[in-house]
Amino acid sequence: MDNSAVSAPHIVVVGGGISGLAAAHRLLGSGARVTVLEATARLGGKLYAGEIAGARVDLGAESMLARRPEGVGLAREVGLADRLRPPAATAAIWTRGALRPMPKGHLMGVPADPASLAGIVSPEGLARIAQDRELPPTEVGEDIGVGEFVAGRLGREVVDRLVEPLLGGVYAGDAYRISMRAAVPQLYTAARENASLLDGVARAQAKAAAAPQQDGPVFMGLDGGMGTLPLAVADAVRAAGGRILTQAPVLALTRTAKGWLVRTDAPEAPAIEADGVVLASPARSASALLAAESPSAAAELAGVEYASMALVTMAFRRTDLERLERSSGFLVPSVDGRAIKASTFSSYKWQWVTDRAPDLFVLRTSIGRYGEEQHLERDDADLVDMSLGDLGAAVGLAAKPVATEVTRWTGGLPQYPVGHLARVARVRAAVAKLPGLRVCGAAYDGVGIPACVAGARRAADEIIATSTLAQNTQRDAGQ
């Protein structure tokens, strides 16, 4: 009899989004036995591939940062290397009544050269930016709001017209509240090391340009949609012997003499004994599950706020939009008072969308920011009408869609306010006191796919390092 399978630790992963699946994939590669429990009927979380008018589209996140290796690396590990695709076309910004090219040479909207923002920022705003080099250094301390710092150095126009829509595209949050240290660490470093923010950004860009990984695309998508990534990871997990249960919400976690007892609402597995647990669920559900065993971690996680948003995906006859200017879409500053915060021209941005639906033109808009969720109380038809109204004003769109799909992400985006990293450190310190339990997900180290994969691998590695598998490995090495 092979005793290795019996002695291998059994790890339960709570959450079947990309973080949980990446953790399961890592654990299986280390020799553990794994059970993934997903509360809903669908794997993938905010990575969600669907269809509209027969065209394959993403109804959630559509790309990942390629200059961090973790997301692209995971795609390659699960057999998707030949489906990685960079986006085509360039983005714009809709502000001051016109579509304007996205400026080059900026770091999350902060320029090295004020002239690059001409047209987006007023002449008065450009003059205010130039004052940066005359101002005394700004003390940033352990953390500071991105908007607060940048406005103090360069003026509010830079924040309202460029930093806010760029950050909003990632967090759907308030740029003045978002932690610079957590959300834009390169900017935080530049601010601490340079008296002038403009000079700091210029040096940061020069350093980045010299790095070898800067040669390739900044972002990558997948032919067929980013929503295919978690499904491919799930297939790899199953192929390696992992067990995945959907519609299996976890009701309670209880420490036992041998590890953990995981109680679920799944008839086929109401109680699971585990050597370890990776909590890869949103902060609020993780808080509820940790309340009994780690009240301090639960209290910290309960304080994590989330923003809600909706994606309005529309398909048009391609002949109706043949005069639409070619770009990947545009961002919208909230200061302009529009309903939408961005629009993506999917059929221009992703060649695979056009290849699979050549007679259609697919685009989508996003609605909803932190503290501005009132629009999401409207019904789907209203959100479509609001989107069409803004698209008409922005690009002269007058055609009617042949199909629409509204996807609501209620509480979908964790917020990273000032002090977020300190909160995460307190959570991890409290959780570290629980043998065989770790946390990961978008609420901790970044909302992007590479950050989520990295956090998942960290959690998996720490679980393995303290599990019976590590003890067995050490024992075998001594024989």
Protein backbone atom coordinates (compact mmCIF):
# COMPACT_ATOMS: atom_id res chain seq x y z
CA MET A 1 0.00 0.00 0.00
CA ASP A 2 1.21 3.51 -0.83
CA ASN A 3 1.31 5.28 2.53
CA SER A 4 2.16 8.66 0.99
CA ALA A 5 -1.46 9.35 0.04
CA VAL A 6 -2.58 8.52 3.57
CA SER A 7 0.07 10.67 5.25
CA ALA A 8 -0.31 13.64 2.90
CA PRO A 9 -2.08 16.50 4.65
CA HIS A 10 -5.65 17.28 3.65
CA ILE A 11 -6.12 21.00 3.04
CA VAL A 12 -9.52 22.61 2.56
CA VAL A 13 -9.63 25.75 0.42
CA VAL A 14 -12.65 27.96 1.10
CA GLY A 15 -13.52 29.91 -2.05
CA GLY A 16 -13.43 28.94 -5.72
CA GLY A 17 -12.31 32.24 -7.22
CA ILE A 18 -8.92 32.62 -8.86
CA SER A 19 -7.22 32.96 -5.46
CA GLY A 20 -8.70 29.75 -4.06
CA LEU A 21 -8.08 27.79 -7.24
CA ALA A 22 -4.49 29.05 -7.49
CA ALA A 23 -3.91 28.03 -3.87
CA ALA A 24 -5.36 24.57 -4.56
CA HIS A 25 -3.14 24.20 -7.63
CA ARG A 26 -0.07 25.12 -5.59
CA LEU A 27 -1.00 22.77 -2.73
CA LEU A 28 -1.51 19.82 -5.04
CA GLY A 29 1.86 20.49 -6.63
CA SER A 30 3.38 20.23 -3.15
CA GLY A 31 1.82 16.81 -2.55
CA ALA A 32 -1.17 17.73 -0.40
CA ARG A 33 -4.69 16.40 -0.76
CA VAL A 34 -7.10 19.25 -1.50
CA THR A 35 -10.81 19.97 -1.29
CA VAL A 36 -12.11 23.28 -2.69
CA LEU A 37 -15.45 24.54 -1.37
CA GLU A 38 -17.27 27.22 -3.40
CA ALA A 39 -20.48 28.69 -2.00
CA THR A 40 -22.07 29.48 -5.36
CA ALA A 41 -22.83 27.36 -8.40
CA ARG A 42 -20.01 28.94 -10.44
CA LEU A 43 -16.23 28.91 -10.13
CA GLY A 44 -14.07 31.90 -10.97
CA GLY A 45 -15.44 34.77 -8.90
CA LYS A 46 -14.94 38.03 -10.78
CA LEU A 47 -13.40 36.17 -13.72
CA TYR A 48 -16.52 35.26 -15.67
CA ALA A 49 -16.76 34.34 -19.34
CA GLY A 50 -20.19 34.45 -20.95
CA GLU A 51 -21.95 35.14 -24.23
CA ILE A 52 -23.97 37.88 -25.86
CA ALA A 53 -25.77 37.34 -29.16
CA GLY A 54 -23.68 34.20 -29.56
CA ALA A 55 -20.40 36.08 -29.10
CA ARG A 56 -18.01 34.95 -26.39
CA VAL A 57 -17.20 37.82 -23.99
CA ASP A 58 -15.87 38.54 -20.53
CA LEU A 59 -18.55 39.62 -18.08
CA GLY A 60 -15.97 40.36 -15.39
CA ALA A 61 -12.26 41.19 -15.38
CA GLU A 62 -10.90 41.06 -18.93
CA SER A 63 -7.11 41.37 -18.59
CA MET A 64 -4.19 40.99 -16.24
CA LEU A 65 -0.95 42.84 -15.69
CA ALA A 66 1.71 41.00 -17.68
CA ARG A 67 4.72 42.71 -16.13
CA ARG A 68 4.11 40.77 -12.96
CA PRO A 69 4.79 37.11 -13.74
CA GLU A 70 2.30 35.29 -11.53
CA GLY A 71 -0.88 35.55 -13.59
CA VAL A 72 0.69 34.87 -16.98
CA GLY A 73 2.76 32.12 -15.39
CA LEU A 74 -0.32 30.39 -14.00
CA ALA A 75 -2.01 30.56 -17.41
CA ARG A 76 1.00 28.86 -18.95
CA GLU A 77 1.11 26.20 -16.23
CA VAL A 78 -2.48 25.16 -16.95
CA GLY A 79 -2.03 24.94 -20.71
CA LEU A 80 -3.18 28.37 -21.90
CA ALA A 81 0.16 29.67 -23.21
CA ASP A 82 -1.01 29.63 -26.83
CA ARG A 83 -4.14 31.64 -25.93
CA LEU A 84 -2.44 34.62 -24.27
CA ARG A 85 -3.22 37.78 -26.24
CA PRO A 86 -2.18 41.42 -25.74
CA PRO A 87 -4.86 44.07 -26.18
CA ALA A 88 -4.96 46.00 -29.46
CA ALA A 89 -5.56 49.72 -30.04
CA THR A 90 -5.04 52.50 -27.52
CA ALA A 91 -7.25 53.99 -24.83
CA ALA A 92 -8.61 57.51 -24.55
CA ILE A 93 -10.11 59.70 -21.87
CA TRP A 94 -13.46 61.47 -22.27
CA THR A 95 -13.21 64.79 -20.51
CA ARG A 96 -14.01 68.45 -21.11
CA GLY A 97 -16.51 67.40 -23.78
CA ALA A 98 -14.11 65.50 -26.04
CA LEU A 99 -12.30 62.19 -26.42
CA ARG A 100 -8.61 62.82 -25.87
CA PRO A 101 -5.69 60.39 -26.29
CA MET A 102 -4.42 58.91 -23.06
CA PRO A 103 -1.18 60.77 -22.32
CA LYS A 104 2.11 58.91 -22.33
CA GLY A 105 4.83 59.06 -19.74
CA HIS A 106 2.76 59.01 -16.57
CA LEU A 107 2.65 56.85 -13.46
CA MET A 108 -1.02 56.19 -12.59
CA GLY A 109 -1.87 59.62 -14.01
CA VAL A 110 1.08 61.47 -12.47
CA PRO A 111 3.25 62.91 -15.26
CA ALA A 112 6.97 63.37 -15.54
CA ASP A 113 6.34 66.22 -17.99
CA PRO A 114 3.36 68.56 -17.37
CA ALA A 115 3.04 69.27 -21.11
CA SER A 116 1.85 65.68 -21.67
CA LEU A 117 -1.44 66.57 -19.96
CA ALA A 118 -2.30 69.49 -22.24
CA GLY A 119 -5.95 69.34 -23.23
CA ILE A 120 -6.85 67.16 -20.24
CA VAL A 121 -5.69 69.72 -17.69
CA SER A 122 -6.40 73.44 -18.16
CA PRO A 123 -3.59 75.96 -18.73
CA GLU A 124 -4.02 77.03 -15.12
CA GLY A 125 -3.74 73.41 -14.05
CA LEU A 126 -0.56 72.95 -16.08
CA ALA A 127 0.96 75.99 -14.41
CA ARG A 128 0.03 74.53 -11.02
CA ILE A 129 1.79 71.26 -11.87
CA ALA A 130 4.97 73.15 -12.72
CA GLN A 131 5.06 74.58 -9.18
CA ASP A 132 5.96 71.12 -7.84
CA ARG A 133 9.69 71.75 -8.14
CA GLU A 134 9.38 74.97 -6.12
CA LEU A 135 7.49 73.41 -3.20
CA PRO A 136 9.21 72.11 -0.07
CA PRO A 137 9.25 68.29 0.34
CA THR A 138 6.01 66.70 1.52
CA GLU A 139 6.14 64.27 4.44
CA VAL A 140 4.30 61.09 3.42
CA GLY A 141 4.85 59.11 6.62
CA GLU A 142 3.82 55.46 6.76
CA ASP A 143 1.02 56.03 4.26
CA ILE A 144 -1.01 58.77 2.60
CA GLY A 145 -3.95 59.02 0.23
CA VAL A 146 -2.96 59.07 -3.43
CA GLY A 147 -5.27 61.97 -4.22
CA GLU A 148 -4.32 63.92 -1.13
CA PHE A 149 -0.62 63.72 -1.90
CA VAL A 150 -0.82 64.34 -5.64
CA ALA A 151 -3.24 67.26 -5.22
CA GLY A 152 -0.87 68.82 -2.70
CA ARG A 153 2.06 68.57 -5.09
CA LEU A 154 0.44 69.09 -8.50
CA GLY A 155 -3.08 70.42 -7.90
CA ARG A 156 -6.52 68.84 -7.88
CA GLU A 157 -6.97 68.87 -11.65
CA VAL A 158 -4.41 66.12 -12.13
CA VAL A 159 -6.23 63.98 -9.59
CA ASP A 160 -9.75 64.70 -10.81
CA ARG A 161 -9.04 64.44 -14.55
CA LEU A 162 -6.53 61.59 -14.69
CA VAL A 163 -5.52 59.89 -11.43
CA GLU A 164 -9.12 59.30 -10.35
CA PRO A 165 -10.36 57.63 -13.55
CA LEU A 166 -7.24 55.44 -13.75
CA LEU A 167 -7.47 54.33 -10.13
CA GLY A 168 -11.24 54.06 -10.47
CA GLY A 169 -10.79 51.56 -13.26
CA VAL A 170 -9.00 49.27 -10.80
CA TYR A 171 -10.72 49.91 -7.48
CA ALA A 172 -13.93 51.80 -8.32
CA GLY A 173 -12.85 53.89 -5.36
CA ASP A 174 -12.21 57.44 -4.20
CA ALA A 175 -8.71 58.50 -5.24
CA TYR A 176 -8.44 60.81 -2.24
CA ARG A 177 -8.98 57.87 0.16
CA ILE A 178 -6.97 55.18 -1.61
CA SER A 179 -3.67 54.24 0.01
CA MET A 180 -0.68 55.29 -2.06
CA ARG A 181 1.52 52.72 -0.38
CA ALA A 182 -0.89 49.86 -1.14
CA ALA A 183 -2.27 50.88 -4.53
CA VAL A 184 0.67 52.65 -6.20
CA PRO A 185 3.82 51.55 -4.35
CA GLN A 186 6.11 52.94 -7.08
CA LEU A 187 4.60 56.38 -6.49
CA TYR A 188 4.99 55.99 -2.73
CA THR A 189 8.68 55.18 -3.18
CA ALA A 190 9.14 58.11 -5.57
CA ALA A 191 7.47 60.42 -3.05
CA ARG A 192 9.70 59.29 -0.20
CA GLU A 193 12.94 59.47 -2.16
CA ASN A 194 12.48 62.74 -4.09
CA ALA A 195 11.64 66.28 -3.07
CA SER A 196 9.92 66.84 -6.43
CA LEU A 197 7.16 64.45 -7.48
CA LEU A 198 7.79 65.18 -11.16
CA ASP A 199 11.45 64.26 -10.77
CA GLY A 200 10.53 61.16 -8.78
CA VAL A 201 8.19 59.93 -11.50
CA ALA A 202 10.82 60.57 -14.18
CA ARG A 203 13.38 58.53 -12.24
CA ALA A 204 10.89 55.74 -11.59
CA GLN A 205 10.07 55.55 -15.29
CA ALA A 206 13.74 55.48 -16.27
CA LYS A 207 14.37 52.66 -13.80
CA ALA A 208 11.36 50.70 -15.06
CA ALA A 209 12.38 51.15 -18.69
CA ALA A 210 15.76 49.59 -17.93
CA ALA A 211 14.22 46.46 -16.38
CA PRO A 212 14.31 43.42 -18.70
CA GLN A 213 10.66 42.49 -18.16
CA GLN A 214 9.51 45.79 -19.64
CA ASP A 215 10.01 44.58 -23.22
CA GLY A 216 6.67 42.76 -23.57
CA PRO A 217 3.05 43.91 -23.35
CA VAL A 218 1.88 45.65 -20.19
CA PHE A 219 -1.36 43.66 -20.12
CA MET A 220 -2.53 40.29 -21.37
CA GLY A 221 -5.90 38.73 -22.02
CA LEU A 222 -6.90 35.25 -23.13
CA ASP A 223 -8.49 34.12 -26.37
CA GLY A 224 -11.97 33.18 -25.21
CA GLY A 225 -11.87 35.53 -22.23
CA MET A 226 -10.13 35.81 -18.88
CA GLY A 227 -13.04 33.84 -17.48
CA THR A 228 -11.47 30.74 -19.03
CA LEU A 229 -8.46 30.98 -16.70
CA PRO A 230 -10.16 29.78 -13.49
CA LEU A 231 -11.91 27.02 -15.42
CA ALA A 232 -8.56 25.79 -16.76
CA VAL A 233 -7.04 25.94 -13.27
CA ALA A 234 -10.03 23.98 -11.93
CA ASP A 235 -9.50 21.34 -14.61
CA ALA A 236 -5.85 21.08 -13.60
CA VAL A 237 -6.83 20.76 -9.94
CA ARG A 238 -9.21 17.90 -10.71
CA ALA A 239 -6.66 16.21 -12.97
CA ALA A 240 -4.17 16.26 -10.08
CA GLY A 241 -6.67 14.55 -7.78
CA GLY A 242 -8.22 17.60 -6.14
CA ARG A 243 -11.89 17.65 -5.19
CA ILE A 244 -14.03 20.70 -6.02
CA LEU A 245 -17.53 21.17 -4.62
CA THR A 246 -19.79 24.02 -5.74
CA GLN A 247 -22.92 25.16 -3.90
CA ALA A 248 -21.04 24.25 -0.75
CA PRO A 249 -21.05 27.29 1.55
CA VAL A 250 -18.93 26.90 4.66
CA LEU A 251 -20.92 27.43 7.84
CA ALA A 252 -18.22 27.16 10.51
CA LEU A 253 -14.54 26.48 11.15
CA THR A 254 -13.58 24.79 14.43
CA ARG A 255 -10.12 23.88 15.66
CA THR A 256 -9.66 20.28 16.73
CA ALA A 257 -6.84 18.30 18.32
CA LYS A 258 -5.71 17.16 14.87
CA GLY A 259 -6.45 20.25 12.81
CA TRP A 260 -9.77 21.71 11.67
CA LEU A 261 -13.40 20.69 11.32
CA VAL A 262 -15.07 22.42 8.38
CA ARG A 263 -18.87 22.41 8.48
CA THR A 264 -20.68 23.04 5.20
CA ASP A 265 -24.17 23.25 3.78
CA ALA A 266 -23.33 20.63 1.14
CA PRO A 267 -25.27 17.35 1.63
CA GLU A 268 -22.39 15.30 0.25
CA ALA A 269 -19.87 16.81 2.71
CA PRO A 270 -21.55 18.31 5.79
CA ALA A 271 -18.40 17.97 7.91
CA ILE A 272 -14.84 17.72 6.64
CA GLU A 273 -11.80 17.03 8.76
CA ALA A 274 -8.74 18.91 7.54
CA ASP A 275 -5.12 19.37 8.52
CA GLY A 276 -5.21 22.92 7.22
CA VAL A 277 -7.49 25.59 5.76
CA VAL A 278 -6.87 28.33 3.21
CA LEU A 279 -9.52 31.04 3.51
CA ALA A 280 -9.82 32.54 0.02
CA SER A 281 -13.23 34.13 0.49
CA PRO A 282 -14.16 37.84 0.58
CA ALA A 283 -13.29 39.72 3.75
CA ARG A 284 -16.78 39.72 5.21
CA SER A 285 -17.32 35.97 4.88
CA ALA A 286 -13.79 35.33 6.15
CA SER A 287 -14.60 37.56 9.11
CA ALA A 288 -17.69 35.52 9.97
CA LEU A 289 -15.78 32.24 9.74
CA LEU A 290 -12.96 33.52 11.97
CA ALA A 291 -15.19 35.11 14.62
CA ALA A 292 -14.97 32.19 17.04
CA GLU A 293 -11.31 31.27 16.61
CA SER A 294 -9.72 34.71 16.02
CA PRO A 295 -11.96 37.61 17.10
CA SER A 296 -9.21 40.16 16.41
CA ALA A 297 -8.72 39.03 12.80
CA ALA A 298 -12.49 38.87 12.35
CA ALA A 299 -12.90 42.44 13.60
CA GLU A 300 -10.22 43.74 11.24
CA LEU A 301 -11.74 41.94 8.25
CA ALA A 302 -15.21 43.20 9.11
CA GLY A 303 -13.87 46.72 8.60
CA VAL A 304 -12.85 46.13 4.98
CA GLU A 305 -15.20 48.11 2.74
CA TYR A 306 -16.30 47.13 -0.75
CA ALA A 307 -17.54 49.03 -3.80
CA SER A 308 -20.28 47.78 -6.09
CA MET A 309 -20.46 48.21 -9.85
CA ALA A 310 -22.30 46.99 -12.92
CA LEU A 311 -21.01 46.07 -16.36
CA VAL A 312 -23.34 46.76 -19.27
CA THR A 313 -22.33 44.63 -22.26
CA MET A 314 -23.94 45.40 -25.62
CA ALA A 315 -23.74 43.85 -29.07
CA PHE A 316 -24.46 45.91 -32.19
CA ARG A 317 -24.55 45.11 -35.87
CA ARG A 318 -21.03 45.88 -37.00
CA THR A 319 -22.29 47.84 -40.01
CA ASP A 320 -23.98 50.26 -37.61
CA LEU A 321 -20.66 51.15 -35.95
CA GLU A 322 -18.24 51.06 -38.85
CA ARG A 323 -17.47 54.78 -38.41
CA LEU A 324 -16.55 54.40 -34.74
CA GLU A 325 -13.01 55.60 -34.14
CA ARG A 326 -10.66 52.70 -33.51
CA SER A 327 -9.53 52.55 -29.88
CA SER A 328 -9.79 50.15 -26.99
CA GLY A 329 -12.27 52.49 -25.28
CA PHE A 330 -12.12 55.38 -22.86
CA LEU A 331 -12.14 56.38 -19.20
CA VAL A 332 -14.43 59.02 -17.71
CA PRO A 333 -13.49 61.32 -14.79
CA SER A 334 -16.24 61.39 -12.19
CA VAL A 335 -15.85 65.19 -11.97
CA ASP A 336 -17.57 65.42 -15.38
CA GLY A 337 -20.78 64.05 -13.86
CA ARG A 338 -21.41 61.20 -16.31
CA ALA A 339 -23.16 57.98 -15.41
CA ILE A 340 -20.52 55.67 -16.87
CA LYS A 341 -16.96 55.57 -15.59
CA ALA A 342 -15.48 53.76 -18.59
CA SER A 343 -16.29 52.03 -21.84
CA THR A 344 -14.38 49.21 -23.51
CA PHE A 345 -14.69 48.60 -27.25
CA SER A 346 -14.17 44.86 -26.96
CA SER A 347 -14.27 44.19 -30.69
CA TYR A 348 -11.37 46.62 -31.19
CA LYS A 349 -9.48 45.75 -28.03
CA TRP A 350 -9.51 41.97 -28.45
CA GLN A 351 -9.00 40.50 -31.90
CA TRP A 352 -10.47 37.18 -30.78
CA VAL A 353 -13.85 38.86 -30.20
CA THR A 354 -13.90 40.06 -33.83
CA ASP A 355 -12.62 36.73 -35.14
CA ARG A 356 -15.41 34.82 -33.41
CA ALA A 357 -18.20 37.33 -34.14
CA PRO A 358 -17.19 39.26 -37.30
CA ASP A 359 -20.71 40.60 -37.93
CA LEU A 360 -21.08 42.05 -34.44
CA PHE A 361 -19.49 44.92 -32.56
CA VAL A 362 -19.28 44.27 -28.82
CA LEU A 363 -18.65 46.99 -26.27
CA ARG A 364 -19.29 47.45 -22.59
CA THR A 365 -19.60 50.21 -20.04
CA SER A 366 -19.05 50.23 -16.29
CA ILE A 367 -21.26 52.06 -13.83
CA GLY A 368 -20.78 52.56 -10.11
CA ARG A 369 -18.06 53.90 -7.82
CA TYR A 370 -17.44 53.73 -4.09
CA GLY A 371 -20.08 55.88 -2.41
CA GLU A 372 -22.02 56.33 -5.67
CA GLU A 373 -23.92 53.06 -5.87
CA GLN A 374 -27.33 54.72 -6.23
CA HIS A 375 -27.29 54.06 -9.97
CA LEU A 376 -27.16 50.35 -9.27
CA GLU A 377 -30.60 50.50 -7.70
CA ARG A 378 -32.02 51.07 -11.19
CA ASP A 379 -33.23 48.18 -13.31
CA ASP A 380 -31.24 46.73 -16.19
CA ALA A 381 -33.11 48.67 -18.88
CA ASP A 382 -32.29 51.97 -17.15
CA LEU A 383 -28.59 51.10 -16.96
CA VAL A 384 -28.59 50.29 -20.67
CA ASP A 385 -30.31 53.59 -21.48
CA MET A 386 -27.87 55.54 -19.31
CA SER A 387 -24.97 53.87 -21.07
CA LEU A 388 -26.36 54.57 -24.52
CA GLY A 389 -26.94 58.20 -23.59
CA ASP A 390 -23.33 58.70 -22.51
CA LEU A 391 -22.01 56.79 -25.53
CA GLY A 392 -24.06 59.03 -27.79
CA ALA A 393 -22.52 62.12 -26.20
CA ALA A 394 -19.00 60.67 -26.24
CA VAL A 395 -18.72 59.05 -29.68
CA GLY A 396 -21.98 59.94 -31.44
CA LEU A 397 -23.39 56.42 -31.08
CA ALA A 398 -27.00 56.40 -32.28
CA ALA A 399 -27.50 52.71 -33.11
CA LYS A 400 -29.57 50.38 -30.96
CA PRO A 401 -28.00 47.19 -29.65
CA VAL A 402 -29.22 43.81 -30.87
CA ALA A 403 -28.54 42.32 -27.42
CA THR A 404 -27.61 43.56 -23.95
CA GLU A 405 -26.37 41.92 -20.77
CA VAL A 406 -26.10 43.61 -17.37
CA THR A 407 -23.76 42.00 -14.85
CA ARG A 408 -23.93 43.35 -11.31
CA TRP A 409 -20.94 42.98 -9.03
CA THR A 410 -22.45 43.83 -5.66
CA GLY A 411 -19.70 44.32 -3.09
CA GLY A 412 -17.24 43.17 -5.72
CA LEU A 413 -14.20 45.42 -5.22
CA PRO A 414 -12.42 45.72 -1.85
CA GLN A 415 -11.27 49.22 -0.98
CA TYR A 416 -7.68 50.03 -0.03
CA PRO A 417 -7.86 53.18 2.11
CA VAL A 418 -4.92 54.74 3.92
CA GLY A 419 -3.65 52.22 6.45
CA HIS A 420 -4.76 49.18 4.45
CA LEU A 421 -1.38 47.44 4.59
CA ALA A 422 -1.22 47.91 8.35
CA ARG A 423 -4.67 46.32 8.62
CA VAL A 424 -3.54 43.37 6.51
CA ALA A 425 -0.44 42.95 8.68
CA ARG A 426 -2.62 42.82 11.80
CA VAL A 427 -4.90 40.23 10.18
CA ARG A 428 -1.99 38.02 9.19
CA ALA A 429 -0.38 38.34 12.63
CA ALA A 430 -3.62 37.21 14.27
CA VAL A 431 -4.20 34.38 11.79
CA ALA A 432 -0.61 33.15 12.18
CA LYS A 433 -1.52 32.17 15.74
CA LEU A 434 -3.95 29.59 14.34
CA PRO A 435 -1.99 26.47 13.31
CA GLY A 436 -2.75 25.37 9.77
CA LEU A 437 -4.80 28.37 8.65
CA ARG A 438 -3.96 31.14 6.21
CA VAL A 439 -5.88 33.80 4.25
CA CYS A 440 -5.62 35.13 0.71
CA GLY A 441 -7.67 36.99 -1.88
CA ALA A 442 -8.29 40.41 -3.36
CA ALA A 443 -8.77 42.02 0.07
CA TYR A 444 -5.11 41.71 1.05
CA ASP A 445 -2.24 42.41 -1.35
CA GLY A 446 -3.89 43.71 -4.52
CA VAL A 447 -7.07 43.27 -6.54
CA GLY A 448 -5.36 42.27 -9.80
CA ILE A 449 -4.95 38.67 -10.95
CA PRO A 450 -1.15 38.49 -10.46
CA ALA A 451 -1.45 39.85 -6.91
CA CYS A 452 -4.20 37.35 -6.10
CA VAL A 453 -2.16 34.45 -7.49
CA ALA A 454 0.90 35.58 -5.54
CA GLY A 455 -1.11 35.81 -2.32
CA ALA A 456 -2.60 32.38 -2.93
CA ARG A 457 0.82 30.84 -3.42
CA ARG A 458 2.11 32.49 -0.28
CA ALA A 459 -0.80 31.08 1.72
CA ALA A 460 -0.32 27.61 0.23
CA ASP A 461 3.43 27.62 0.87
CA GLU A 462 2.97 28.70 4.48
CA ILE A 463 0.37 25.98 5.06
CA ILE A 464 2.67 23.35 3.58
CA ALA A 465 5.64 24.59 5.59
CA THR A 466 3.77 23.97 8.85
CA SER A 467 1.92 20.80 7.82
CA THR A 468 2.62 17.10 8.23
CA LEU A 469 3.88 17.12 4.62
CA ALA A 470 6.85 19.22 5.66
CA GLN A 471 7.45 16.89 8.60
CA ASN A 472 7.26 13.85 6.31
CA THR A 473 9.68 15.42 3.83
CA GLN A 474 12.16 16.14 6.60
CA ARG A 475 11.78 12.59 7.93
CA ASP A 476 12.29 11.06 4.47
CA ALA A 477 15.38 13.20 3.88
CA GLY A 478 16.89 11.87 7.09
CA GLN A 479 16.46 8.21 6.12
